[in-house]
Amino acid sequence: MSSKEIPYKIYLEESEMPQSWYNVRADMKNKPAPLLNPGTLQPMTAEELGHVFCDELVKQELDDTNPYIEIPEEIRKFYRMYRPSPLVRAYCLEEKLQTPAHIYYKFEGNNTSGSHKLNSAIAQAYYAKQQGLKGVTTETGAGQWGTALSMACAYLGLDCQVYMVKVSYEQKPFRREVMRTYGAKVTPSPSETTEVGRKILAAHPGTTGSLGCAISEAVEAATSQEGYRYVLGSVLSQVLLHQSVIGLEAQAALAKYDIVPDLIIGCAGGGSNLGGLISPFMGEVLRGEKNYRFIAVEPASCPSLTRGKYVYDFCDTGMVCPLAKMYTLGSGFIPSANHAGGLRYHGMSSVVSQLYHDGYLEARSVEQTSVFEAAEMFARVEGILPAPESSHAIRVAIDEALKCKETGEAKNIVFGLTGTGYFDMVAYEKYNNGEMTDYIPTDADLQQGFDGIPKFPGNEI
């Protein structure tokens, strides 16, 4: 526990912002398995990845030895517009719960995109600009990533094409319009504009889409246009690298007041915000310096960690991307149209998956109505309306704080508040009207996705 008086908000000075991103893979004894070429089943080469991704991002994706990678000055300049972000002591939530626990959250919603996604968006757009490209294509679930990328592209003068999961496109029109305001072309996915989109619609008429579908379309759009590359908002190791700025700042802010976290919690969809928050702390654990508990929180409707298989699978529904070894529900799994759009992905980051497989990370799935119950409590006492995705972490932070109330333990709990929910009012309306339901896939539902996992020697389920 800290002997210093802790303010509501702990801020770093601009001079204390990280100068480099932290690459947790450098400290992992068991490195994440390499991406495989689905045709040859051999590790993807830099040349092969360069047809889809920017050259510098390919280098970052394949780098599992350098612990620190310098952040270019132009990216640091952009970061200064909204970083460092505050680490907030949730005094009012603690009082509401009557818990001896100390609860802190790293707030990433203080920018126009409303989420942490801008940390990687500006980096990926910067490297595309440096390479002389015309533009980039991408997918987006709830819309935070698409919004962030459209902002970054507008800043750097790049064209931005976004394939937005259809259910989110329909549920979140305001986020869609923010993207268009920043100059992005937004297409609901799956769509009739790509070959893979038409195939998905033929196989699943009336589907509400998924991140896997949108990725397939965005990759096809990038590879079929001269001067374009695909960029991804989560899952990839390069994205977790950029997001490590979250954990590095949180680590520095806690150290200012001699606070040692007992428990670090993040919501988990593809793994970007969770990986970014926990990476520097995980590095301390991997090096034998500290001992923390980490909990990844996912929706019960899309439980890749808690009910998935740890195998090689396609990263996208159209099966045009490389194979990644990860916890997966199968690339053909289409989750229910729940309101945590950013968590509706069938797989998990290879980095997060390896850490979970090696026992460094716990995972917990939670149901939608309990998530919004926690979100509502948090909004009423802390004054911030949280994004549905972030509210998964809030749910488990509250649950852990209540356990401390029972045991009398004054633990330090840190969670990631990755974004705001002001464009998610359809979801809050459903909850307030009592119309929200919980969906948990049956074993038979999951088996349909597992049946589509590629079968080759060494990849048995």
Protein backbone atom coordinates (compact mmCIF):
# COMPACT_ATOMS: atom_id res chain seq x y z
CA MET A 1 0.00 0.00 0.00
CA SER A 2 1.15 3.57 -0.60
CA SER A 3 1.96 5.89 2.29
CA LYS A 4 1.37 8.95 0.08
CA GLU A 5 -1.97 10.72 -0.25
CA ILE A 6 -3.29 9.59 -3.62
CA PRO A 7 -5.15 12.14 -5.79
CA TYR A 8 -8.24 11.29 -7.80
CA LYS A 9 -6.26 11.55 -11.01
CA ILE A 10 -2.59 10.76 -11.40
CA TYR A 11 -1.11 12.58 -14.40
CA LEU A 12 2.32 12.24 -15.94
CA GLU A 13 4.13 15.23 -17.42
CA GLU A 14 4.62 15.27 -21.20
CA SER A 15 8.32 14.74 -20.55
CA GLU A 16 7.45 11.48 -18.76
CA MET A 17 5.67 9.96 -21.76
CA PRO A 18 7.25 6.77 -23.08
CA GLN A 19 9.92 7.29 -25.74
CA SER A 20 9.70 3.67 -26.87
CA TRP A 21 7.06 0.96 -27.11
CA TYR A 22 7.63 -2.22 -25.09
CA ASN A 23 7.71 -5.56 -26.91
CA VAL A 24 6.67 -8.23 -24.40
CA ARG A 25 7.66 -11.01 -26.82
CA ALA A 26 11.32 -10.26 -26.09
CA ASP A 27 10.83 -11.45 -22.50
CA MET A 28 8.61 -14.45 -23.29
CA LYS A 29 10.38 -17.78 -22.87
CA ASN A 30 7.81 -19.41 -25.15
CA LYS A 31 7.44 -17.09 -28.13
CA PRO A 32 4.09 -16.84 -29.92
CA ALA A 33 3.92 -19.32 -32.80
CA PRO A 34 4.63 -17.74 -36.22
CA LEU A 35 1.95 -16.88 -38.74
CA LEU A 36 1.67 -19.60 -41.38
CA ASN A 37 1.07 -19.38 -45.11
CA PRO A 38 -2.19 -21.34 -45.52
CA GLY A 39 -0.99 -22.74 -48.84
CA THR A 40 2.42 -24.03 -47.79
CA LEU A 41 1.90 -24.24 -43.99
CA GLN A 42 5.33 -22.57 -43.66
CA PRO A 43 6.02 -19.44 -41.59
CA MET A 44 5.07 -16.27 -43.45
CA THR A 45 8.07 -14.38 -44.78
CA ALA A 46 8.52 -10.62 -44.66
CA GLU A 47 8.07 -10.52 -48.43
CA GLU A 48 4.74 -12.37 -48.24
CA LEU A 49 3.44 -10.17 -45.43
CA GLY A 50 4.58 -7.08 -47.32
CA HIS A 51 1.89 -7.66 -49.94
CA VAL A 52 -0.72 -6.93 -47.25
CA PHE A 53 0.99 -4.81 -44.56
CA CYS A 54 3.33 -1.81 -44.59
CA ASP A 55 7.02 -2.71 -44.64
CA GLU A 56 7.91 -1.23 -41.24
CA LEU A 57 4.88 -2.86 -39.64
CA VAL A 58 5.99 -6.21 -41.05
CA LYS A 59 9.35 -5.75 -39.28
CA GLN A 60 7.53 -5.01 -36.02
CA GLU A 61 5.23 -8.00 -36.50
CA LEU A 62 8.17 -10.37 -36.88
CA ASP A 63 10.37 -8.87 -34.15
CA ASP A 64 10.33 -11.04 -31.03
CA THR A 65 13.81 -10.13 -29.75
CA ASN A 66 14.03 -6.35 -29.25
CA PRO A 67 12.35 -5.33 -25.97
CA TYR A 68 12.03 -1.65 -26.90
CA ILE A 69 11.23 -0.01 -30.24
CA GLU A 70 11.57 3.75 -30.47
CA ILE A 71 8.42 5.78 -31.09
CA PRO A 72 9.05 8.19 -34.01
CA GLU A 73 8.93 11.87 -33.09
CA GLU A 74 5.93 12.61 -35.36
CA ILE A 75 3.91 9.92 -33.59
CA ARG A 76 4.96 11.27 -30.16
CA LYS A 77 3.88 14.72 -31.35
CA PHE A 78 0.43 13.35 -32.21
CA TYR A 79 0.25 11.47 -28.89
CA ARG A 80 0.79 14.74 -27.02
CA MET A 81 -2.63 15.95 -28.19
CA TYR A 82 -4.31 13.46 -25.83
CA ARG A 83 -1.56 11.73 -23.88
CA PRO A 84 -0.48 11.08 -21.18
CA SER A 85 -3.90 9.78 -20.20
CA PRO A 86 -4.88 9.80 -16.52
CA LEU A 87 -4.80 6.96 -14.05
CA VAL A 88 -7.90 7.56 -11.91
CA ARG A 89 -8.57 6.40 -8.37
CA ALA A 90 -12.22 5.30 -8.27
CA TYR A 91 -12.90 6.66 -4.79
CA CYS A 92 -16.65 7.03 -5.41
CA LEU A 93 -16.99 3.45 -6.67
CA GLU A 94 -15.05 2.19 -3.64
CA GLU A 95 -17.44 4.07 -1.35
CA LYS A 96 -20.48 2.73 -3.20
CA LEU A 97 -19.21 -0.84 -2.81
CA GLN A 98 -18.03 -0.29 0.76
CA THR A 99 -14.89 -2.20 -0.11
CA PRO A 100 -11.43 -1.92 1.43
CA ALA A 101 -9.98 -2.46 -2.04
CA HIS A 102 -8.36 0.44 -3.85
CA ILE A 103 -9.63 0.62 -7.44
CA TYR A 104 -7.78 2.41 -10.24
CA TYR A 105 -8.60 2.72 -13.91
CA LYS A 106 -6.48 3.84 -16.83
CA PHE A 107 -8.79 6.07 -18.84
CA GLU A 108 -8.25 5.97 -22.62
CA GLY A 109 -11.43 7.76 -23.70
CA ASN A 110 -10.19 11.36 -23.62
CA ASN A 111 -9.87 11.80 -27.39
CA THR A 112 -12.43 12.24 -30.18
CA SER A 113 -12.29 8.58 -31.19
CA GLY A 114 -13.37 7.79 -27.63
CA SER A 115 -10.98 4.88 -27.14
CA HIS A 116 -7.43 3.51 -26.93
CA LYS A 117 -7.48 2.62 -30.62
CA LEU A 118 -5.89 5.91 -31.66
CA ASN A 119 -2.57 4.78 -30.14
CA SER A 120 -2.05 2.23 -32.93
CA ALA A 121 -4.03 4.00 -35.64
CA ILE A 122 -1.62 6.93 -35.82
CA ALA A 123 1.36 4.57 -35.84
CA GLN A 124 0.03 2.43 -38.67
CA ALA A 125 -1.08 5.45 -40.70
CA TYR A 126 2.32 7.08 -40.16
CA TYR A 127 4.21 4.09 -41.55
CA ALA A 128 1.82 3.92 -44.52
CA LYS A 129 2.51 7.60 -45.25
CA GLN A 130 6.26 7.07 -44.89
CA GLN A 131 6.03 4.29 -47.47
CA GLY A 132 4.35 6.63 -49.94
CA LEU A 133 1.03 4.80 -50.05
CA LYS A 134 -2.27 6.31 -51.21
CA GLY A 135 -4.40 4.85 -48.46
CA VAL A 136 -5.33 1.99 -46.18
CA THR A 137 -8.25 -0.37 -45.67
CA THR A 138 -9.50 -1.86 -42.44
CA GLU A 139 -12.37 -3.43 -40.52
CA THR A 140 -14.14 -2.13 -37.44
CA GLY A 141 -16.50 -3.74 -34.94
CA ALA A 142 -18.15 -1.23 -32.64
CA GLY A 143 -16.54 1.57 -34.63
CA GLN A 144 -13.82 2.80 -32.27
CA TRP A 145 -11.00 1.49 -34.47
CA GLY A 146 -12.54 2.82 -37.67
CA THR A 147 -13.06 6.20 -36.03
CA ALA A 148 -9.48 6.28 -34.78
CA LEU A 149 -8.04 5.29 -38.15
CA SER A 150 -10.15 7.85 -39.99
CA MET A 151 -8.80 10.54 -37.64
CA ALA A 152 -5.20 9.42 -38.17
CA CYS A 153 -5.62 9.26 -41.95
CA ALA A 154 -7.20 12.72 -42.05
CA TYR A 155 -4.25 14.09 -40.06
CA LEU A 156 -1.74 12.57 -42.48
CA GLY A 157 -3.70 12.99 -45.73
CA LEU A 158 -4.35 9.31 -46.50
CA ASP A 159 -7.45 7.70 -48.00
CA CYS A 160 -9.30 5.48 -45.50
CA GLN A 161 -11.72 2.65 -46.41
CA VAL A 162 -13.56 0.98 -43.52
CA TYR A 163 -15.61 -2.23 -43.54
CA MET A 164 -17.89 -1.99 -40.50
CA VAL A 165 -19.59 -5.06 -39.01
CA LYS A 166 -23.17 -4.79 -40.26
CA VAL A 167 -24.89 -5.02 -36.88
CA SER A 168 -22.73 -2.16 -35.57
CA TYR A 169 -23.22 -0.17 -38.79
CA GLU A 170 -26.95 -0.32 -38.09
CA GLN A 171 -26.83 0.08 -34.28
CA LYS A 172 -24.21 2.86 -34.18
CA PRO A 173 -25.02 5.39 -36.93
CA PHE A 174 -23.37 8.26 -35.08
CA ARG A 175 -20.00 6.53 -34.91
CA ARG A 176 -20.36 5.75 -38.60
CA GLU A 177 -20.96 9.44 -39.30
CA VAL A 178 -17.91 10.48 -37.28
CA MET A 179 -15.82 8.28 -39.58
CA ARG A 180 -17.39 9.86 -42.65
CA THR A 181 -16.83 13.33 -41.17
CA TYR A 182 -13.12 12.51 -41.03
CA GLY A 183 -13.22 11.45 -44.67
CA ALA A 184 -13.51 7.66 -44.46
CA LYS A 185 -15.60 5.55 -46.80
CA VAL A 186 -17.68 3.21 -44.61
CA THR A 187 -19.22 -0.02 -45.95
CA PRO A 188 -21.41 -2.42 -43.93
CA SER A 189 -19.91 -5.92 -43.85
CA PRO A 190 -20.47 -8.44 -45.27
CA SER A 191 -21.20 -6.50 -48.45
CA GLU A 192 -21.71 -7.05 -52.17
CA THR A 193 -18.64 -4.92 -52.97
CA THR A 194 -16.09 -7.74 -52.62
CA GLU A 195 -15.90 -11.31 -53.85
CA VAL A 196 -15.43 -12.67 -50.35
CA GLY A 197 -18.35 -10.59 -49.06
CA ARG A 198 -20.65 -12.05 -51.69
CA LYS A 199 -19.54 -15.58 -50.77
CA ILE A 200 -20.24 -14.98 -47.07
CA LEU A 201 -23.70 -13.58 -47.84
CA ALA A 202 -24.48 -16.57 -50.04
CA ALA A 203 -23.47 -18.96 -47.27
CA HIS A 204 -25.11 -16.96 -44.45
CA PRO A 205 -28.07 -14.98 -45.85
CA GLY A 206 -29.15 -12.18 -43.55
CA THR A 207 -26.04 -12.45 -41.35
CA THR A 208 -25.30 -9.51 -39.05
CA GLY A 209 -21.60 -9.98 -39.75
CA SER A 210 -18.51 -10.35 -37.59
CA LEU A 211 -15.02 -8.94 -37.34
CA GLY A 212 -13.80 -12.01 -39.21
CA CYS A 213 -16.06 -11.15 -42.15
CA ALA A 214 -15.01 -7.51 -42.18
CA ILE A 215 -11.30 -8.43 -42.07
CA SER A 216 -11.71 -10.61 -45.16
CA GLU A 217 -13.30 -7.79 -47.12
CA ALA A 218 -10.74 -5.22 -46.03
CA VAL A 219 -7.83 -7.48 -46.98
CA GLU A 220 -9.34 -8.11 -50.43
CA ALA A 221 -9.89 -4.38 -50.92
CA ALA A 222 -6.27 -3.63 -50.00
CA THR A 223 -4.71 -6.28 -52.21
CA SER A 224 -6.85 -5.35 -55.21
CA GLN A 225 -5.95 -1.65 -55.24
CA GLU A 226 -2.55 -0.23 -56.20
CA GLY A 227 -0.93 1.83 -53.46
CA TYR A 228 -3.04 0.46 -50.58
CA ARG A 229 -2.25 -1.72 -47.60
CA TYR A 230 -4.39 -3.32 -44.93
CA VAL A 231 -4.15 -2.25 -41.28
CA LEU A 232 -5.65 -4.08 -38.31
CA GLY A 233 -6.94 -2.64 -35.03
CA SER A 234 -6.24 -5.61 -32.79
CA VAL A 235 -4.94 -9.21 -32.66
CA LEU A 236 -1.57 -8.64 -34.38
CA SER A 237 1.63 -8.37 -32.35
CA GLN A 238 2.41 -4.97 -33.88
CA VAL A 239 -0.85 -3.59 -32.48
CA LEU A 240 -0.11 -4.86 -28.97
CA LEU A 241 3.31 -3.24 -29.31
CA HIS A 242 1.80 0.20 -30.05
CA GLN A 243 -0.77 -0.19 -27.28
CA SER A 244 1.97 -0.83 -24.72
CA VAL A 245 2.01 2.95 -24.26
CA ILE A 246 -1.06 2.37 -22.04
CA GLY A 247 0.71 -0.01 -19.68
CA LEU A 248 3.95 1.98 -19.66
CA GLU A 249 2.09 5.11 -18.56
CA ALA A 250 0.05 3.18 -15.98
CA GLN A 251 3.25 1.64 -14.62
CA ALA A 252 4.91 5.07 -14.29
CA ALA A 253 1.83 6.65 -12.67
CA LEU A 254 1.56 3.88 -10.07
CA ALA A 255 5.26 4.14 -9.30
CA LYS A 256 4.86 7.87 -8.58
CA TYR A 257 2.81 6.99 -5.50
CA ASP A 258 4.50 3.70 -4.62
CA ILE A 259 1.36 1.75 -5.56
CA VAL A 260 1.88 -1.93 -6.31
CA PRO A 261 -1.09 -3.50 -8.13
CA ASP A 262 -2.32 -6.88 -6.97
CA LEU A 263 -4.72 -7.44 -9.84
CA ILE A 264 -4.77 -6.04 -13.40
CA ILE A 265 -7.95 -6.50 -15.45
CA GLY A 266 -8.81 -5.83 -19.08
CA CYS A 267 -11.61 -6.66 -21.49
CA ALA A 268 -10.60 -9.07 -24.23
CA GLY A 269 -11.80 -9.23 -27.82
CA GLY A 270 -8.80 -9.49 -30.10
CA GLY A 271 -6.37 -8.58 -27.34
CA SER A 272 -5.10 -5.07 -28.17
CA ASN A 273 -6.16 -3.11 -25.11
CA LEU A 274 -5.62 -6.02 -22.73
CA GLY A 275 -2.18 -6.70 -24.17
CA GLY A 276 -1.28 -3.02 -24.15
CA LEU A 277 -2.27 -2.58 -20.52
CA ILE A 278 -0.65 -5.70 -19.11
CA SER A 279 2.50 -5.99 -21.27
CA PRO A 280 4.95 -3.92 -19.16
CA PHE A 281 3.66 -5.52 -15.96
CA MET A 282 3.79 -8.95 -17.59
CA GLY A 283 7.41 -8.23 -18.52
CA GLU A 284 8.21 -7.82 -14.83
CA VAL A 285 6.61 -11.18 -14.10
CA LEU A 286 8.39 -12.89 -16.99
CA ARG A 287 11.73 -11.52 -15.78
CA GLY A 288 11.03 -12.76 -12.24
CA GLU A 289 10.89 -9.24 -10.78
CA LYS A 290 7.27 -9.02 -9.62
CA ASN A 291 4.16 -11.13 -9.21
CA TYR A 292 0.77 -9.85 -10.37
CA ARG A 293 -2.56 -11.46 -11.20
CA PHE A 294 -3.99 -10.71 -14.64
CA ILE A 295 -7.60 -11.34 -15.71
CA ALA A 296 -8.88 -11.19 -19.29
CA VAL A 297 -12.64 -10.62 -19.43
CA GLU A 298 -14.64 -11.68 -22.48
CA PRO A 299 -18.36 -11.88 -23.36
CA ALA A 300 -20.06 -15.19 -22.64
CA SER A 301 -21.50 -14.95 -26.16
CA CYS A 302 -18.03 -15.04 -27.77
CA PRO A 303 -15.80 -16.97 -25.34
CA SER A 304 -12.60 -17.60 -27.30
CA LEU A 305 -10.31 -17.98 -24.28
CA THR A 306 -12.63 -19.76 -21.88
CA ARG A 307 -14.21 -22.17 -24.39
CA GLY A 308 -12.05 -21.98 -27.51
CA LYS A 309 -9.38 -24.31 -28.89
CA TYR A 310 -5.67 -23.47 -28.96
CA VAL A 311 -4.79 -24.28 -32.56
CA TYR A 312 -3.86 -22.68 -35.87
CA ASP A 313 -6.85 -21.03 -37.48
CA PHE A 314 -7.66 -18.40 -40.07
CA CYS A 315 -7.80 -14.85 -38.75
CA ASP A 316 -10.80 -14.11 -40.96
CA THR A 317 -14.06 -15.69 -42.02
CA GLY A 318 -13.22 -15.61 -45.74
CA MET A 319 -9.99 -17.57 -45.12
CA VAL A 320 -7.79 -15.17 -47.09
CA CYS A 321 -5.48 -14.21 -44.20
CA PRO A 322 -2.54 -16.17 -42.74
CA LEU A 323 -3.07 -18.86 -40.13
CA ALA A 324 -2.40 -17.81 -36.53
CA LYS A 325 -2.00 -20.07 -33.53
CA MET A 326 -4.51 -18.74 -31.03
CA TYR A 327 -7.47 -19.55 -28.88
CA THR A 328 -10.29 -19.64 -31.41
CA LEU A 329 -13.93 -20.53 -31.85
CA GLY A 330 -13.33 -21.20 -35.54
CA SER A 331 -13.15 -18.56 -38.25
CA GLY A 332 -16.66 -19.50 -39.37
CA PHE A 333 -18.15 -18.74 -35.94
CA ILE A 334 -20.60 -15.84 -36.22
CA PRO A 335 -21.36 -14.53 -32.71
CA SER A 336 -24.77 -13.27 -31.67
CA ALA A 337 -25.55 -9.62 -32.29
CA ASN A 338 -24.54 -8.52 -28.80
CA HIS A 339 -23.73 -4.91 -28.02
CA ALA A 340 -20.02 -5.26 -27.26
CA GLY A 341 -19.19 -5.00 -30.96
CA GLY A 342 -15.45 -4.65 -30.36
CA LEU A 343 -15.36 -8.04 -28.61
CA ARG A 344 -17.15 -10.00 -31.33
CA TYR A 345 -14.05 -11.73 -32.71
CA HIS A 346 -13.63 -15.48 -33.02
CA GLY A 347 -9.97 -15.57 -31.95
CA MET A 348 -7.45 -14.02 -29.61
CA SER A 349 -4.04 -12.42 -30.12
CA SER A 350 -1.26 -15.00 -30.42
CA VAL A 351 0.68 -13.14 -27.72
CA VAL A 352 -2.24 -13.17 -25.27
CA SER A 353 -3.06 -16.77 -26.23
CA GLN A 354 0.48 -17.95 -25.50
CA LEU A 355 0.56 -16.15 -22.15
CA TYR A 356 -2.81 -17.66 -21.23
CA HIS A 357 -1.71 -21.12 -22.36
CA ASP A 358 1.44 -20.82 -20.22
CA GLY A 359 -0.60 -19.91 -17.14
CA TYR A 360 0.40 -16.26 -16.76
CA LEU A 361 -3.11 -15.00 -17.39
CA GLU A 362 -6.59 -15.89 -16.13
CA ALA A 363 -9.75 -15.61 -18.22
CA ARG A 364 -13.35 -15.04 -17.26
CA SER A 365 -16.51 -14.75 -19.35
CA VAL A 366 -19.44 -12.57 -18.29
CA GLU A 367 -23.00 -12.16 -19.51
CA GLN A 368 -24.26 -9.04 -21.19
CA THR A 369 -26.91 -7.94 -18.70
CA SER A 370 -24.50 -8.16 -15.77
CA VAL A 371 -22.01 -6.11 -17.78
CA PHE A 372 -24.52 -3.30 -18.29
CA GLU A 373 -25.53 -3.46 -14.64
CA ALA A 374 -21.90 -2.73 -13.77
CA ALA A 375 -21.69 -0.03 -16.47
CA GLU A 376 -24.72 1.73 -15.05
CA MET A 377 -23.35 1.65 -11.51
CA PHE A 378 -20.00 2.99 -12.69
CA ALA A 379 -21.62 5.79 -14.71
CA ARG A 380 -23.75 6.89 -11.77
CA VAL A 381 -20.90 7.12 -9.28
CA GLU A 382 -17.83 7.89 -11.39
CA GLY A 383 -19.38 10.26 -13.92
CA ILE A 384 -18.20 8.52 -17.09
CA LEU A 385 -20.47 6.53 -19.38
CA PRO A 386 -18.28 3.53 -20.26
CA ALA A 387 -18.16 1.66 -23.54
CA PRO A 388 -19.81 -1.79 -23.46
CA GLU A 389 -16.41 -3.38 -24.13
CA SER A 390 -14.72 -1.61 -21.20
CA SER A 391 -17.66 -2.49 -18.99
CA HIS A 392 -16.63 -6.14 -19.06
CA ALA A 393 -13.52 -5.13 -17.13
CA ILE A 394 -15.63 -2.98 -14.81
CA ARG A 395 -17.86 -5.99 -14.07
CA VAL A 396 -14.96 -8.13 -12.91
CA ALA A 397 -13.26 -5.25 -11.07
CA ILE A 398 -16.46 -4.79 -9.06
CA ASP A 399 -16.71 -8.53 -8.43
CA GLU A 400 -13.13 -8.64 -7.16
CA ALA A 401 -13.67 -5.56 -4.99
CA LEU A 402 -16.72 -7.23 -3.41
CA LYS A 403 -14.58 -10.29 -2.65
CA CYS A 404 -12.21 -7.94 -0.82
CA LYS A 405 -15.21 -6.68 1.15
CA GLU A 406 -15.90 -10.25 2.29
CA THR A 407 -12.29 -11.03 3.20
CA GLY A 408 -11.25 -7.60 4.46
CA GLU A 409 -8.27 -7.51 2.06
CA ALA A 410 -7.24 -4.05 0.84
CA LYS A 411 -6.03 -5.10 -2.60
CA ASN A 412 -4.98 -2.68 -5.34
CA ILE A 413 -7.13 -3.37 -8.40
CA VAL A 414 -6.24 -1.78 -11.76
CA PHE A 415 -8.43 -2.04 -14.85
CA GLY A 416 -8.49 -0.55 -18.30
CA LEU A 417 -11.31 1.87 -19.10
CA THR A 418 -10.62 1.72 -22.80
CA GLY A 419 -13.35 4.01 -24.09
CA THR A 420 -16.57 5.91 -23.64
CA GLY A 421 -20.07 4.71 -24.50
CA TYR A 422 -21.69 7.88 -25.75
CA PHE A 423 -22.21 6.37 -29.22
CA ASP A 424 -23.57 3.14 -27.74
CA MET A 425 -26.95 4.46 -26.60
CA VAL A 426 -28.94 1.83 -28.50
CA ALA A 427 -27.36 -0.73 -26.19
CA TYR A 428 -28.11 1.33 -23.09
CA GLU A 429 -31.68 1.83 -24.36
CA LYS A 430 -32.14 -1.94 -24.66
CA TYR A 431 -30.84 -2.40 -21.12
CA ASN A 432 -32.96 0.42 -19.66
CA ASN A 433 -36.09 -0.92 -21.38
CA GLY A 434 -35.51 -4.43 -20.04
CA GLU A 435 -35.14 -5.72 -23.60
CA MET A 436 -31.54 -6.91 -23.32
CA THR A 437 -31.02 -10.65 -23.25
CA ASP A 438 -28.08 -12.94 -22.58
CA TYR A 439 -26.89 -15.43 -25.12
CA ILE A 440 -24.48 -18.23 -24.33
CA PRO A 441 -23.63 -20.52 -27.25
CA THR A 442 -24.24 -24.20 -26.70
CA ASP A 443 -21.54 -26.80 -27.23
CA ALA A 444 -23.32 -27.66 -30.49
CA ASP A 445 -23.15 -24.00 -31.59
CA LEU A 446 -19.42 -23.91 -30.91
CA GLN A 447 -18.84 -27.23 -32.62
CA GLN A 448 -20.01 -25.75 -35.92
CA GLY A 449 -17.15 -23.27 -35.69
CA PHE A 450 -14.64 -25.88 -34.55
CA ASP A 451 -15.55 -28.08 -37.53
CA GLY A 452 -14.14 -25.43 -39.85
CA ILE A 453 -10.72 -25.24 -38.20
CA PRO A 454 -8.01 -26.28 -40.69
CA LYS A 455 -6.92 -29.90 -40.33
CA PHE A 456 -3.26 -30.73 -40.90
CA PRO A 457 -0.63 -32.72 -38.97
CA GLY A 458 0.07 -31.14 -35.60
CA ASN A 459 -3.12 -29.04 -35.63
CA GLU A 460 -5.49 -31.53 -34.06
CA ILE A 461 -8.18 -30.10 -31.79
